[in-house]
Amino acid sequence: MLRASVQQTGRPVDLSAISDVTRDPLLPAGRELRDLTDAAVLRDPYERNLALPALVDEAGEAAAVRAAAVAGNFEMMNRLLDGIGVGPGGMASIAGELGVTYPPD
């Protein structure tokens, strides 16, 4: 969704920042959004407790609530797709942009 939305708006983005935390995503509150997403995906309460206030400070409470809702919905959809046996094969086309190897080594 991020890739499609930045293509639609023409906003620059560095997708490699998703897998390389030393890179700047080039998006408003991009680092904070990435950190919250990582905490959600990894189910890490310590990281979540750091990431959420940082996102609120950078983007505001309403934006942080929307981001948490999107992350939660995305995780729910992933679990549903995993449950019915749909794998991540569709992501292979952008694996290089993200700086990851697909299939994993």
PDB file of N, CA and C in Angstrom:
ATOM      1  N   MET A   1       0.824  -1.185   0.000  1.00  0.00           N
ATOM      2  CA  MET A   1       0.000   0.000   0.000  1.00  0.00           C
ATOM      3  C   MET A   1       0.871   1.253   0.000  1.00  0.00           C
ATOM      4  N   LEU A   2       1.947   1.250   0.765  1.00  0.00           N
ATOM      5  CA  LEU A   2       2.826   2.412   0.816  1.00  0.00           C
ATOM      6  C   LEU A   2       3.408   2.701  -0.559  1.00  0.00           C
ATOM      7  N   ARG A   3       3.865   1.670  -1.215  1.00  0.00           N
ATOM      8  CA  ARG A   3       4.468   1.840  -2.539  1.00  0.00           C
ATOM      9  C   ARG A   3       3.458   2.441  -3.508  1.00  0.00           C
ATOM     10  N   ALA A   4       2.246   1.923  -3.506  1.00  0.00           N
ATOM     11  CA  ALA A   4       1.212   2.433  -4.413  1.00  0.00           C
ATOM     12  C   ALA A   4       0.829   3.867  -4.071  1.00  0.00           C
ATOM     13  N   SER A   5       0.731   4.190  -2.792  1.00  0.00           N
ATOM     14  CA  SER A   5       0.316   5.544  -2.424  1.00  0.00           C
ATOM     15  C   SER A   5       1.384   6.574  -2.774  1.00  0.00           C
ATOM     16  N   VAL A   6       2.655   6.238  -2.613  1.00  0.00           N
ATOM     17  CA  VAL A   6       3.689   7.208  -2.971  1.00  0.00           C
ATOM     18  C   VAL A   6       3.789   7.362  -4.485  1.00  0.00           C
ATOM     19  N   GLN A   7       3.515   6.313  -5.227  1.00  0.00           N
ATOM     20  CA  GLN A   7       3.503   6.437  -6.677  1.00  0.00           C
ATOM     21  C   GLN A   7       2.356   7.337  -7.114  1.00  0.00           C
ATOM     22  N   GLN A   8       1.218   7.214  -6.463  1.00  0.00           N
ATOM     23  CA  GLN A   8       0.039   8.016  -6.800  1.00  0.00           C
ATOM     24  C   GLN A   8       0.264   9.490  -6.479  1.00  0.00           C
ATOM     25  N   THR A   9       0.889   9.775  -5.345  1.00  0.00           N
ATOM     26  CA  THR A   9       1.071  11.158  -4.915  1.00  0.00           C
ATOM     27  C   THR A   9       2.351  11.788  -5.450  1.00  0.00           C
ATOM     28  N   GLY A  10       3.284  10.971  -5.935  1.00  0.00           N
ATOM     29  CA  GLY A  10       4.547  11.490  -6.416  1.00  0.00           C
ATOM     30  C   GLY A  10       5.516  11.852  -5.297  1.00  0.00           C
ATOM     31  N   ARG A  11       5.189  11.498  -4.067  1.00  0.00           N
ATOM     32  CA  ARG A  11       6.054  11.799  -2.916  1.00  0.00           C
ATOM     33  C   ARG A  11       7.257  10.860  -2.949  1.00  0.00           C
ATOM     34  N   PRO A  12       8.458  11.400  -2.708  1.00  0.00           N
ATOM     35  CA  PRO A  12       9.629  10.514  -2.667  1.00  0.00           C
ATOM     36  C   PRO A  12       9.588   9.630  -1.426  1.00  0.00           C
ATOM     37  N   VAL A  13      10.094   8.423  -1.570  1.00  0.00           N
ATOM     38  CA  VAL A  13      10.184   7.491  -0.446  1.00  0.00           C
ATOM     39  C   VAL A  13      11.373   6.576  -0.681  1.00  0.00           C
ATOM     40  N   ASP A  14      12.015   6.188   0.393  1.00  0.00           N
ATOM     41  CA  ASP A  14      13.101   5.213   0.312  1.00  0.00           C
ATOM     42  C   ASP A  14      12.600   3.930   0.948  1.00  0.00           C
ATOM     43  N   LEU A  15      12.116   3.001   0.117  1.00  0.00           N
ATOM     44  CA  LEU A  15      11.564   1.747   0.635  1.00  0.00           C
ATOM     45  C   LEU A  15      12.608   0.895   1.335  1.00  0.00           C
ATOM     46  N   SER A  16      13.886   1.095   1.024  1.00  0.00           N
ATOM     47  CA  SER A  16      14.909   0.302   1.707  1.00  0.00           C
ATOM     48  C   SER A  16      14.976   0.642   3.190  1.00  0.00           C
ATOM     49  N   ALA A  17      14.406   1.776   3.595  1.00  0.00           N
ATOM     50  CA  ALA A  17      14.371   2.153   5.010  1.00  0.00           C
ATOM     51  C   ALA A  17      13.485   1.221   5.826  1.00  0.00           C
ATOM     52  N   ILE A  18      12.655   0.452   5.152  1.00  0.00           N
ATOM     53  CA  ILE A  18      11.809  -0.514   5.859  1.00  0.00           C
ATOM     54  C   ILE A  18      12.664  -1.591   6.506  1.00  0.00           C
ATOM     55  N   SER A  19      13.696  -2.032   5.797  1.00  0.00           N
ATOM     56  CA  SER A  19      14.536  -3.097   6.329  1.00  0.00           C
ATOM     57  C   SER A  19      15.887  -2.607   6.829  1.00  0.00           C
ATOM     58  N   ASP A  20      16.188  -1.327   6.629  1.00  0.00           N
ATOM     59  CA  ASP A  20      17.469  -0.764   7.074  1.00  0.00           C
ATOM     60  C   ASP A  20      17.182   0.485   7.906  1.00  0.00           C
ATOM     61  N   VAL A  21      17.221   0.328   9.234  1.00  0.00           N
ATOM     62  CA  VAL A  21      16.833   1.431  10.120  1.00  0.00           C
ATOM     63  C   VAL A  21      17.813   2.605  10.089  1.00  0.00           C
ATOM     64  N   THR A  22      18.947   2.440   9.430  1.00  0.00           N
ATOM     65  CA  THR A  22      19.878   3.563   9.319  1.00  0.00           C
ATOM     66  C   THR A  22      19.471   4.522   8.202  1.00  0.00           C
ATOM     67  N   ARG A  23      18.516   4.118   7.374  1.00  0.00           N
ATOM     68  CA  ARG A  23      18.084   4.949   6.251  1.00  0.00           C
ATOM     69  C   ARG A  23      16.844   5.748   6.633  1.00  0.00           C
ATOM     70  N   ASP A  24      16.704   6.918   6.028  1.00  0.00           N
ATOM     71  CA  ASP A  24      15.561   7.783   6.244  1.00  0.00           C
ATOM     72  C   ASP A  24      14.475   7.432   5.227  1.00  0.00           C
ATOM     73  N   PRO A  25      13.255   7.110   5.672  1.00  0.00           N
ATOM     74  CA  PRO A  25      12.186   6.764   4.732  1.00  0.00           C
ATOM     75  C   PRO A  25      11.738   7.934   3.843  1.00  0.00           C
ATOM     76  N   LEU A  26      12.127   9.154   4.203  1.00  0.00           N
ATOM     77  CA  LEU A  26      11.772  10.361   3.459  1.00  0.00           C
ATOM     78  C   LEU A  26      10.294  10.715   3.579  1.00  0.00           C
ATOM     79  N   LEU A  27       9.632  10.232   4.583  1.00  0.00           N
ATOM     80  CA  LEU A  27       8.211  10.516   4.821  1.00  0.00           C
ATOM     81  C   LEU A  27       8.057  11.239   6.154  1.00  0.00           C
ATOM     82  N   PRO A  28       7.054  12.106   6.273  1.00  0.00           N
ATOM     83  CA  PRO A  28       6.796  12.725   7.578  1.00  0.00           C
ATOM     84  C   PRO A  28       6.545  11.649   8.635  1.00  0.00           C
ATOM     85  N   ALA A  29       7.249  11.714   9.734  1.00  0.00           N
ATOM     86  CA  ALA A  29       7.150  10.742  10.827  1.00  0.00           C
ATOM     87  C   ALA A  29       7.470   9.316  10.357  1.00  0.00           C
ATOM     88  N   GLY A  30       8.222   9.212   9.270  1.00  0.00           N
ATOM     89  CA  GLY A  30       8.516   7.902   8.689  1.00  0.00           C
ATOM     90  C   GLY A  30       9.275   6.966   9.607  1.00  0.00           C
ATOM     91  N   ARG A  31      10.282   7.485  10.284  1.00  0.00           N
ATOM     92  CA  ARG A  31      11.057   6.629  11.203  1.00  0.00           C
ATOM     93  C   ARG A  31      10.178   6.145  12.354  1.00  0.00           C
ATOM     94  N   GLU A  32       9.353   7.042  12.877  1.00  0.00           N
ATOM     95  CA  GLU A  32       8.482   6.684  14.005  1.00  0.00           C
ATOM     96  C   GLU A  32       7.413   5.682  13.572  1.00  0.00           C
ATOM     97  N   LEU A  33       6.873   5.854  12.374  1.00  0.00           N
ATOM     98  CA  LEU A  33       5.893   4.891  11.860  1.00  0.00           C
ATOM     99  C   LEU A  33       6.532   3.515  11.680  1.00  0.00           C
ATOM    100  N   ARG A  34       7.746   3.500  11.131  1.00  0.00           N
ATOM    101  CA  ARG A  34       8.462   2.225  10.954  1.00  0.00           C
ATOM    102  C   ARG A  34       8.701   1.547  12.296  1.00  0.00           C
ATOM    103  N   ASP A  35       9.110   2.329  13.290  1.00  0.00           N
ATOM    104  CA  ASP A  35       9.399   1.756  14.601  1.00  0.00           C
ATOM    105  C   ASP A  35       8.139   1.173  15.243  1.00  0.00           C
ATOM    106  N   LEU A  36       7.004   1.856  15.095  1.00  0.00           N
ATOM    107  CA  LEU A  36       5.749   1.327  15.639  1.00  0.00           C
ATOM    108  C   LEU A  36       5.346   0.051  14.905  1.00  0.00           C
ATOM    109  N   THR A  37       5.512   0.059  13.600  1.00  0.00           N
ATOM    110  CA  THR A  37       5.170  -1.131  12.810  1.00  0.00           C
ATOM    111  C   THR A  37       6.043  -2.318  13.203  1.00  0.00           C
ATOM    112  N   ASP A  38       7.344  -2.086  13.354  1.00  0.00           N
ATOM    113  CA  ASP A  38       8.237  -3.163  13.791  1.00  0.00           C
ATOM    114  C   ASP A  38       7.801  -3.722  15.141  1.00  0.00           C
ATOM    115  N   ALA A  39       7.462  -2.836  16.068  1.00  0.00           N
ATOM    116  CA  ALA A  39       7.040  -3.281  17.399  1.00  0.00           C
ATOM    117  C   ALA A  39       5.769  -4.117  17.310  1.00  0.00           C
ATOM    118  N   ALA A  40       4.840  -3.710  16.437  1.00  0.00           N
ATOM    119  CA  ALA A  40       3.589  -4.462  16.284  1.00  0.00           C
ATOM    120  C   ALA A  40       3.837  -5.832  15.671  1.00  0.00           C
ATOM    121  N   VAL A  41       4.624  -5.864  14.613  1.00  0.00           N
ATOM    122  CA  VAL A  41       4.888  -7.130  13.926  1.00  0.00           C
ATOM    123  C   VAL A  41       5.642  -8.097  14.829  1.00  0.00           C
ATOM    124  N   LEU A  42       6.589  -7.569  15.588  1.00  0.00           N
ATOM    125  CA  LEU A  42       7.388  -8.417  16.472  1.00  0.00           C
ATOM    126  C   LEU A  42       6.709  -8.692  17.808  1.00  0.00           C
ATOM    127  N   ARG A  43       5.553  -8.055  18.021  1.00  0.00           N
ATOM    128  CA  ARG A  43       4.804  -8.185  19.284  1.00  0.00           C
ATOM    129  C   ARG A  43       5.712  -7.879  20.473  1.00  0.00           C
ATOM    130  N   ASP A  44       6.435  -6.774  20.366  1.00  0.00           N
ATOM    131  CA  ASP A  44       7.412  -6.389  21.372  1.00  0.00           C
ATOM    132  C   ASP A  44       6.868  -5.232  22.209  1.00  0.00           C
ATOM    133  N   PRO A  45       6.364  -5.521  23.424  1.00  0.00           N
ATOM    134  CA  PRO A  45       5.770  -4.445  24.225  1.00  0.00           C
ATOM    135  C   PRO A  45       6.773  -3.380  24.639  1.00  0.00           C
ATOM    136  N   TYR A  46       8.020  -3.749  24.841  1.00  0.00           N
ATOM    137  CA  TYR A  46       9.038  -2.760  25.202  1.00  0.00           C
ATOM    138  C   TYR A  46       9.229  -1.760  24.063  1.00  0.00           C
ATOM    139  N   GLU A  47       9.417  -2.280  22.857  1.00  0.00           N
ATOM    140  CA  GLU A  47       9.590  -1.409  21.691  1.00  0.00           C
ATOM    141  C   GLU A  47       8.328  -0.593  21.418  1.00  0.00           C
ATOM    142  N   ARG A  48       7.165  -1.204  21.602  1.00  0.00           N
ATOM    143  CA  ARG A  48       5.906  -0.479  21.400  1.00  0.00           C
ATOM    144  C   ARG A  48       5.804   0.685  22.362  1.00  0.00           C
ATOM    145  N   ASN A  49       6.210   0.465  23.613  1.00  0.00           N
ATOM    146  CA  ASN A  49       6.128   1.520  24.619  1.00  0.00           C
ATOM    147  C   ASN A  49       7.106   2.663  24.345  1.00  0.00           C
ATOM    148  N   LEU A  50       8.117   2.430  23.538  1.00  0.00           N
ATOM    149  CA  LEU A  50       9.012   3.493  23.085  1.00  0.00           C
ATOM    150  C   LEU A  50       8.487   4.154  21.811  1.00  0.00           C
ATOM    151  N   ALA A  51       7.989   3.330  20.898  1.00  0.00           N
ATOM    152  CA  ALA A  51       7.599   3.823  19.572  1.00  0.00           C
ATOM    153  C   ALA A  51       6.326   4.664  19.596  1.00  0.00           C
ATOM    154  N   LEU A  52       5.351   4.257  20.374  1.00  0.00           N
ATOM    155  CA  LEU A  52       4.071   4.969  20.347  1.00  0.00           C
ATOM    156  C   LEU A  52       4.196   6.405  20.846  1.00  0.00           C
ATOM    157  N   PRO A  53       4.821   6.667  21.994  1.00  0.00           N
ATOM    158  CA  PRO A  53       4.977   8.067  22.405  1.00  0.00           C
ATOM    159  C   PRO A  53       5.818   8.889  21.426  1.00  0.00           C
ATOM    160  N   ALA A  54       6.817   8.263  20.812  1.00  0.00           N
ATOM    161  CA  ALA A  54       7.638   8.977  19.829  1.00  0.00           C
ATOM    162  C   ALA A  54       6.794   9.388  18.623  1.00  0.00           C
ATOM    163  N   LEU A  55       5.896   8.491  18.198  1.00  0.00           N
ATOM    164  CA  LEU A  55       5.011   8.817  17.074  1.00  0.00           C
ATOM    165  C   LEU A  55       4.025   9.913  17.465  1.00  0.00           C
ATOM    166  N   VAL A  56       3.483   9.838  18.672  1.00  0.00           N
ATOM    167  CA  VAL A  56       2.567  10.894  19.143  1.00  0.00           C
ATOM    168  C   VAL A  56       3.289  12.236  19.153  1.00  0.00           C
ATOM    169  N   ASP A  57       4.512  12.257  19.649  1.00  0.00           N
ATOM    170  CA  ASP A  57       5.288  13.505  19.690  1.00  0.00           C
ATOM    171  C   ASP A  57       5.534  14.059  18.293  1.00  0.00           C
ATOM    172  N   GLU A  58       5.808  13.196  17.344  1.00  0.00           N
ATOM    173  CA  GLU A  58       6.161  13.629  15.991  1.00  0.00           C
ATOM    174  C   GLU A  58       4.941  13.943  15.126  1.00  0.00           C
ATOM    175  N   ALA A  59       3.888  13.144  15.226  1.00  0.00           N
ATOM    176  CA  ALA A  59       2.766  13.266  14.288  1.00  0.00           C
ATOM    177  C   ALA A  59       1.447  13.645  14.942  1.00  0.00           C
ATOM    178  N   GLY A  60       1.386  13.595  16.258  1.00  0.00           N
ATOM    179  CA  GLY A  60       0.138  13.906  16.949  1.00  0.00           C
ATOM    180  C   GLY A  60      -0.629  12.651  17.328  1.00  0.00           C
ATOM    181  N   GLU A  61      -1.519  12.816  18.300  1.00  0.00           N
ATOM    182  CA  GLU A  61      -2.264  11.676  18.828  1.00  0.00           C
ATOM    183  C   GLU A  61      -3.194  11.055  17.789  1.00  0.00           C
ATOM    184  N   ALA A  62      -3.909  11.872  17.022  1.00  0.00           N
ATOM    185  CA  ALA A  62      -4.852  11.333  16.033  1.00  0.00           C
ATOM    186  C   ALA A  62      -4.128  10.498  14.982  1.00  0.00           C
ATOM    187  N   ALA A  63      -2.984  10.980  14.518  1.00  0.00           N
ATOM    188  CA  ALA A  63      -2.219  10.218  13.525  1.00  0.00           C
ATOM    189  C   ALA A  63      -1.694   8.918  14.114  1.00  0.00           C
ATOM    190  N   ALA A  64      -1.268   8.954  15.376  1.00  0.00           N
ATOM    191  CA  ALA A  64      -0.762   7.737  16.024  1.00  0.00           C
ATOM    192  C   ALA A  64      -1.877   6.703  16.171  1.00  0.00           C
ATOM    193  N   VAL A  65      -3.071   7.149  16.499  1.00  0.00           N
ATOM    194  CA  VAL A  65      -4.212   6.231  16.611  1.00  0.00           C
ATOM    195  C   VAL A  65      -4.511   5.603  15.250  1.00  0.00           C
ATOM    196  N   ARG A  66      -4.519   6.420  14.196  1.00  0.00           N
ATOM    197  CA  ARG A  66      -4.774   5.878  12.851  1.00  0.00           C
ATOM    198  C   ARG A  66      -3.683   4.880  12.450  1.00  0.00           C
ATOM    199  N   ALA A  67      -2.430   5.201  12.758  1.00  0.00           N
ATOM    200  CA  ALA A  67      -1.322   4.304  12.412  1.00  0.00           C
ATOM    201  C   ALA A  67      -1.450   2.972  13.145  1.00  0.00           C
ATOM    202  N   ALA A  68      -1.798   3.024  14.423  1.00  0.00           N
ATOM    203  CA  ALA A  68      -1.967   1.789  15.198  1.00  0.00           C
ATOM    204  C   ALA A  68      -3.129   0.965  14.639  1.00  0.00           C
ATOM    205  N   ALA A  69      -4.193   1.623  14.222  1.00  0.00           N
ATOM    206  CA  ALA A  69      -5.340   0.909  13.643  1.00  0.00           C
ATOM    207  C   ALA A  69      -4.962   0.245  12.321  1.00  0.00           C
ATOM    208  N   VAL A  70      -4.208   0.949  11.490  1.00  0.00           N
ATOM    209  CA  VAL A  70      -3.772   0.377  10.211  1.00  0.00           C
ATOM    210  C   VAL A  70      -2.856  -0.820  10.463  1.00  0.00           C
ATOM    211  N   ALA A  71      -1.909  -0.674  11.392  1.00  0.00           N
ATOM    212  CA  ALA A  71      -1.001  -1.787  11.700  1.00  0.00           C
ATOM    213  C   ALA A  71      -1.772  -2.991  12.222  1.00  0.00           C
ATOM    214  N   GLY A  72      -2.739  -2.751  13.092  1.00  0.00           N
ATOM    215  CA  GLY A  72      -3.550  -3.843  13.625  1.00  0.00           C
ATOM    216  C   GLY A  72      -4.361  -4.535  12.547  1.00  0.00           C
ATOM    217  N   ASN A  73      -4.961  -3.765  11.659  1.00  0.00           N
ATOM    218  CA  ASN A  73      -5.742  -4.336  10.570  1.00  0.00           C
ATOM    219  C   ASN A  73      -4.853  -5.141   9.626  1.00  0.00           C
ATOM    220  N   PHE A  74      -3.669  -4.612   9.331  1.00  0.00           N
ATOM    221  CA  PHE A  74      -2.734  -5.316   8.462  1.00  0.00           C
ATOM    222  C   PHE A  74      -2.322  -6.652   9.073  1.00  0.00           C
ATOM    223  N   GLU A  75      -2.022  -6.642  10.359  1.00  0.00           N
ATOM    224  CA  GLU A  75      -1.651  -7.887  11.042  1.00  0.00           C
ATOM    225  C   GLU A  75      -2.796  -8.893  11.016  1.00  0.00           C
ATOM    226  N   MET A  76      -4.029  -8.407  11.200  1.00  0.00           N
ATOM    227  CA  MET A  76      -5.183  -9.303  11.141  1.00  0.00           C
ATOM    228  C   MET A  76      -5.293  -9.936   9.754  1.00  0.00           C
ATOM    229  N   MET A  77      -5.136  -9.114   8.705  1.00  0.00           N
ATOM    230  CA  MET A  77      -5.234  -9.658   7.343  1.00  0.00           C
ATOM    231  C   MET A  77      -4.122 -10.666   7.078  1.00  0.00           C
ATOM    232  N   ASN A  78      -2.903 -10.377   7.550  1.00  0.00           N
ATOM    233  CA  ASN A  78      -1.805 -11.325   7.379  1.00  0.00           C
ATOM    234  C   ASN A  78      -2.113 -12.663   8.036  1.00  0.00           C
ATOM    235  N   ARG A  79      -2.647 -12.629   9.233  1.00  0.00           N
ATOM    236  CA  ARG A  79      -2.962 -13.872   9.939  1.00  0.00           C
ATOM    237  C   ARG A  79      -4.064 -14.654   9.227  1.00  0.00           C
ATOM    238  N   LEU A  80      -5.045 -13.938   8.697  1.00  0.00           N
ATOM    239  CA  LEU A  80      -6.097 -14.613   7.936  1.00  0.00           C
ATOM    240  C   LEU A  80      -5.519 -15.279   6.690  1.00  0.00           C
ATOM    241  N   LEU A  81      -4.680 -14.557   5.965  1.00  0.00           N
ATOM    242  CA  LEU A  81      -4.083 -15.123   4.757  1.00  0.00           C
ATOM    243  C   LEU A  81      -3.163 -16.296   5.090  1.00  0.00           C
ATOM    244  N   ASP A  82      -2.371 -16.167   6.148  1.00  0.00           N
ATOM    245  CA  ASP A  82      -1.532 -17.290   6.588  1.00  0.00           C
ATOM    246  C   ASP A  82      -2.391 -18.495   6.939  1.00  0.00           C
ATOM    247  N   GLY A  83      -3.517 -18.243   7.598  1.00  0.00           N
ATOM    248  CA  GLY A  83      -4.401 -19.318   8.036  1.00  0.00           C
ATOM    249  C   GLY A  83      -5.013 -20.106   6.892  1.00  0.00           C
ATOM    250  N   ILE A  84      -5.222 -19.457   5.751  1.00  0.00           N
ATOM    251  CA  ILE A  84      -5.798 -20.170   4.610  1.00  0.00           C
ATOM    252  C   ILE A  84      -4.740 -20.610   3.602  1.00  0.00           C
ATOM    253  N   GLY A  85      -3.463 -20.380   3.964  1.00  0.00           N
ATOM    254  CA  GLY A  85      -2.374 -20.910   3.153  1.00  0.00           C
ATOM    255  C   GLY A  85      -1.870 -20.002   2.047  1.00  0.00           C
ATOM    256  N   VAL A  86      -2.188 -18.715   2.088  1.00  0.00           N
ATOM    257  CA  VAL A  86      -1.681 -17.791   1.080  1.00  0.00           C
ATOM    258  C   VAL A  86      -0.341 -17.250   1.578  1.00  0.00           C
ATOM    259  N   GLY A  87       0.713 -17.478   0.820  1.00  0.00           N
ATOM    260  CA  GLY A  87       2.051 -17.052   1.236  1.00  0.00           C
ATOM    261  C   GLY A  87       2.415 -15.675   0.719  1.00  0.00           C
ATOM    262  N   PRO A  88       3.620 -15.225   1.018  1.00  0.00           N
ATOM    263  CA  PRO A  88       4.070 -13.881   0.643  1.00  0.00           C
ATOM    264  C   PRO A  88       4.635 -13.777  -0.767  1.00  0.00           C
ATOM    265  N   GLY A  89       4.336 -14.695  -1.640  1.00  0.00           N
ATOM    266  CA  GLY A  89       4.923 -14.716  -2.975  1.00  0.00           C
ATOM    267  C   GLY A  89       4.730 -13.441  -3.764  1.00  0.00           C
ATOM    268  N   GLY A  90       3.641 -12.725  -3.568  1.00  0.00           N
ATOM    269  CA  GLY A  90       3.395 -11.490  -4.296  1.00  0.00           C
ATOM    270  C   GLY A  90       4.380 -10.394  -3.965  1.00  0.00           C
ATOM    271  N   MET A  91       5.088 -10.520  -2.873  1.00  0.00           N
ATOM    272  CA  MET A  91       6.061  -9.511  -2.471  1.00  0.00           C
ATOM    273  C   MET A  91       7.409  -9.703  -3.158  1.00  0.00           C
ATOM    274  N   ALA A  92       7.580 -10.805  -3.856  1.00  0.00           N
ATOM    275  CA  ALA A  92       8.866 -11.084  -4.487  1.00  0.00           C
ATOM    276  C   ALA A  92       9.271  -9.982  -5.457  1.00  0.00           C
ATOM    277  N   SER A  93       8.307  -9.349  -6.093  1.00  0.00           N
ATOM    278  CA  SER A  93       8.626  -8.336  -7.092  1.00  0.00           C
ATOM    279  C   SER A  93       9.256  -7.079  -6.495  1.00  0.00           C
ATOM    280  N   ILE A  94       9.024  -6.809  -5.210  1.00  0.00           N
ATOM    281  CA  ILE A  94       9.620  -5.612  -4.605  1.00  0.00           C
ATOM    282  C   ILE A  94      10.673  -5.955  -3.558  1.00  0.00           C
ATOM    283  N   ALA A  95      11.035  -7.213  -3.463  1.00  0.00           N
ATOM    284  CA  ALA A  95      12.017  -7.630  -2.453  1.00  0.00           C
ATOM    285  C   ALA A  95      13.325  -6.860  -2.595  1.00  0.00           C
ATOM    286  N   GLY A  96      13.793  -6.661  -3.807  1.00  0.00           N
ATOM    287  CA  GLY A  96      15.039  -5.940  -4.023  1.00  0.00           C
ATOM    288  C   GLY A  96      14.967  -4.503  -3.532  1.00  0.00           C
ATOM    289  N   GLU A  97      13.830  -3.835  -3.763  1.00  0.00           N
ATOM    290  CA  GLU A  97      13.663  -2.457  -3.292  1.00  0.00           C
ATOM    291  C   GLU A  97      13.698  -2.375  -1.774  1.00  0.00           C
ATOM    292  N   LEU A  98      13.215  -3.427  -1.117  1.00  0.00           N
ATOM    293  CA  LEU A  98      13.178  -3.445   0.336  1.00  0.00           C
ATOM    294  C   LEU A  98      14.514  -3.873   0.931  1.00  0.00           C
ATOM    295  N   GLY A  99      15.391  -4.372   0.096  1.00  0.00           N
ATOM    296  CA  GLY A  99      16.685  -4.813   0.586  1.00  0.00           C
ATOM    297  C   GLY A  99      16.646  -6.189   1.232  1.00  0.00           C
ATOM    298  N   VAL A 100      15.692  -7.012   0.804  1.00  0.00           N
ATOM    299  CA  VAL A 100      15.586  -8.362   1.358  1.00  0.00           C
ATOM    300  C   VAL A 100      15.701  -9.375   0.227  1.00  0.00           C
ATOM    301  N   THR A 101      16.001 -10.601   0.585  1.00  0.00           N
ATOM    302  CA  THR A 101      16.086 -11.691  -0.368  1.00  0.00           C
ATOM    303  C   THR A 101      14.818 -12.516  -0.289  1.00  0.00           C
ATOM    304  N   TYR A 102      14.189 -12.760  -1.431  1.00  0.00           N
ATOM    305  CA  TYR A 102      13.012 -13.619  -1.464  1.00  0.00           C
ATOM    306  C   TYR A 102      13.213 -14.652  -2.550  1.00  0.00           C
ATOM    307  N   PRO A 103      13.028 -15.924  -2.267  1.00  0.00           N
ATOM    308  CA  PRO A 103      12.717 -16.449  -0.938  1.00  0.00           C
ATOM    309  C   PRO A 103      13.904 -16.308  -0.011  1.00  0.00           C
ATOM    310  N   PRO A 104      13.601 -16.300   1.303  1.00  0.00           N
ATOM    311  CA  PRO A 104      14.679 -16.150   2.281  1.00  0.00           C
ATOM    312  C   PRO A 104      15.728 -17.237   2.118  1.00  0.00           C
ATOM    313  N   ASP A 105      16.984 -16.867   2.368  1.00  0.00           N
ATOM    314  CA  ASP A 105      18.082 -17.840   2.263  1.00  0.00           C
ATOM    315  C   ASP A 105      17.963 -18.917   3.327  1.00  0.00           C
TER     316      ASP A 105
END
